């Protein structure tokens, strides 16, 4: 099996994260600050350099004024759309 970071699903995961951040009106710096992290944190996440665990993903969703369930639905829908 191909490593997750090289799979299409991972690329779409990163695209959805970035799209949700941009749509929320937050910059990487604002989002990172809200999480108590340096600006480079969101940059690294969006470039796929840093991976998030489920707890960090939930925290990020809350900062973006959404929840993990909504993120998951958006992610799954985006996968289906290709």
C-alpha atoms as a PDB file:
ATOM      1  CA  UNK A   1       0.000   0.000   0.000  1.00  0.00           C
ATOM      2  CA  UNK A   2       1.249   3.483  -0.874  1.00  0.00           C
ATOM      3  CA  UNK A   3       2.166   5.735   2.049  1.00  0.00           C
ATOM      4  CA  UNK A   4      -0.715   8.042   2.928  1.00  0.00           C
ATOM      5  CA  UNK A   5       1.263  11.215   2.233  1.00  0.00           C
ATOM      6  CA  UNK A   6       1.560  10.197  -1.420  1.00  0.00           C
ATOM      7  CA  UNK A   7      -2.076   9.285  -1.908  1.00  0.00           C
ATOM      8  CA  UNK A   8      -4.698  11.399  -3.624  1.00  0.00           C
ATOM      9  CA  UNK A   9      -6.793  11.299  -0.455  1.00  0.00           C
ATOM     10  CA  UNK A  10      -4.063  13.076   1.493  1.00  0.00           C
ATOM     11  CA  UNK A  11      -3.739  15.775  -1.156  1.00  0.00           C
ATOM     12  CA  UNK A  12      -7.490  16.364  -1.001  1.00  0.00           C
ATOM     13  CA  UNK A  13      -7.360  16.406   2.805  1.00  0.00           C
ATOM     14  CA  UNK A  14      -4.835  19.254   2.636  1.00  0.00           C
ATOM     15  CA  UNK A  15      -6.896  21.087   0.003  1.00  0.00           C
ATOM     16  CA  UNK A  16     -10.011  20.887   2.169  1.00  0.00           C
ATOM     17  CA  UNK A  17      -8.121  22.154   5.224  1.00  0.00           C
ATOM     18  CA  UNK A  18      -6.761  25.133   3.332  1.00  0.00           C
ATOM     19  CA  UNK A  19     -10.092  25.905   1.658  1.00  0.00           C
ATOM     20  CA  UNK A  20     -11.882  25.872   5.007  1.00  0.00           C
ATOM     21  CA  UNK A  21      -9.274  28.188   6.527  1.00  0.00           C
ATOM     22  CA  UNK A  22      -9.462  30.618   3.607  1.00  0.00           C
ATOM     23  CA  UNK A  23     -13.274  30.550   3.611  1.00  0.00           C
ATOM     24  CA  UNK A  24     -13.253  31.317   7.333  1.00  0.00           C
ATOM     25  CA  UNK A  25     -11.327  34.505   6.533  1.00  0.00           C
ATOM     26  CA  UNK A  26      -8.348  33.533   8.670  1.00  0.00           C
ATOM     27  CA  UNK A  27      -4.726  33.813   7.654  1.00  0.00           C
ATOM     28  CA  UNK A  28      -2.233  31.091   8.513  1.00  0.00           C
ATOM     29  CA  UNK A  29      -0.815  33.372  11.191  1.00  0.00           C
ATOM     30  CA  UNK A  30      -4.233  34.023  12.758  1.00  0.00           C
ATOM     31  CA  UNK A  31      -5.157  30.358  12.700  1.00  0.00           C
ATOM     32  CA  UNK A  32      -1.826  29.300  14.185  1.00  0.00           C
ATOM     33  CA  UNK A  33      -2.050  31.976  16.876  1.00  0.00           C
ATOM     34  CA  UNK A  34      -5.547  30.794  17.830  1.00  0.00           C
ATOM     35  CA  UNK A  35      -4.050  27.332  18.303  1.00  0.00           C
ATOM     36  CA  UNK A  36      -1.178  28.743  20.352  1.00  0.00           C
ATOM     37  CA  UNK A  37       1.361  27.808  17.689  1.00  0.00           C
ATOM     38  CA  UNK A  38       3.784  29.773  15.482  1.00  0.00           C
ATOM     39  CA  UNK A  39       2.668  30.810  11.968  1.00  0.00           C
ATOM     40  CA  UNK A  40       4.876  28.111  10.494  1.00  0.00           C
ATOM     41  CA  UNK A  41       2.561  25.494  12.038  1.00  0.00           C
ATOM     42  CA  UNK A  42      -0.289  26.106   9.577  1.00  0.00           C
ATOM     43  CA  UNK A  43       2.130  26.552   6.711  1.00  0.00           C
ATOM     44  CA  UNK A  44       3.675  23.172   7.487  1.00  0.00           C
ATOM     45  CA  UNK A  45       0.256  21.531   7.851  1.00  0.00           C
ATOM     46  CA  UNK A  46      -1.049  22.909   4.552  1.00  0.00           C
ATOM     47  CA  UNK A  47       2.111  21.865   2.706  1.00  0.00           C
ATOM     48  CA  UNK A  48       1.904  18.358   4.128  1.00  0.00           C
ATOM     49  CA  UNK A  49       5.146  18.706   6.075  1.00  0.00           C
ATOM     50  CA  UNK A  50       3.365  18.341   9.413  1.00  0.00           C
ATOM     51  CA  UNK A  51       0.589  15.849  10.007  1.00  0.00           C
ATOM     52  CA  UNK A  52      -2.298  16.354  12.393  1.00  0.00           C
ATOM     53  CA  UNK A  53      -3.655  13.809  14.818  1.00  0.00           C
ATOM     54  CA  UNK A  54      -7.400  13.611  15.422  1.00  0.00           C
ATOM     55  CA  UNK A  55      -7.268  15.855  18.509  1.00  0.00           C
ATOM     56  CA  UNK A  56      -5.336  18.550  16.638  1.00  0.00           C
ATOM     57  CA  UNK A  57      -7.746  18.300  13.703  1.00  0.00           C
ATOM     58  CA  UNK A  58     -10.672  18.787  16.079  1.00  0.00           C
ATOM     59  CA  UNK A  59      -8.980  21.822  17.640  1.00  0.00           C
ATOM     60  CA  UNK A  60      -8.374  23.275  14.182  1.00  0.00           C
ATOM     61  CA  UNK A  61     -12.004  22.727  13.214  1.00  0.00           C
ATOM     62  CA  UNK A  62     -13.162  24.596  16.303  1.00  0.00           C
ATOM     63  CA  UNK A  63     -10.860  27.531  15.472  1.00  0.00           C
ATOM     64  CA  UNK A  64     -12.377  27.555  11.978  1.00  0.00           C
ATOM     65  CA  UNK A  65     -15.886  27.693  13.503  1.00  0.00           C
ATOM     66  CA  UNK A  66     -16.850  24.217  12.351  1.00  0.00           C
ATOM     67  CA  UNK A  67     -16.723  20.752  13.848  1.00  0.00           C
ATOM     68  CA  UNK A  68     -15.034  17.481  13.046  1.00  0.00           C
ATOM     69  CA  UNK A  69     -18.225  15.972  11.672  1.00  0.00           C
ATOM     70  CA  UNK A  70     -18.718  18.827   9.192  1.00  0.00           C
ATOM     71  CA  UNK A  71     -15.078  18.622   8.149  1.00  0.00           C
ATOM     72  CA  UNK A  72     -15.432  14.896   7.561  1.00  0.00           C
ATOM     73  CA  UNK A  73     -18.569  15.364   5.443  1.00  0.00           C
ATOM     74  CA  UNK A  74     -16.854  18.047   3.345  1.00  0.00           C
ATOM     75  CA  UNK A  75     -13.795  15.848   2.929  1.00  0.00           C
ATOM     76  CA  UNK A  76     -15.844  12.813   1.857  1.00  0.00           C
ATOM     77  CA  UNK A  77     -17.893  14.896  -0.581  1.00  0.00           C
ATOM     78  CA  UNK A  78     -14.739  16.363  -2.111  1.00  0.00           C
ATOM     79  CA  UNK A  79     -13.304  12.865  -2.526  1.00  0.00           C
ATOM     80  CA  UNK A  80     -16.440  11.768  -4.375  1.00  0.00           C
ATOM     81  CA  UNK A  81     -16.289  14.782  -6.666  1.00  0.00           C
ATOM     82  CA  UNK A  82     -12.750  13.844  -7.573  1.00  0.00           C
END
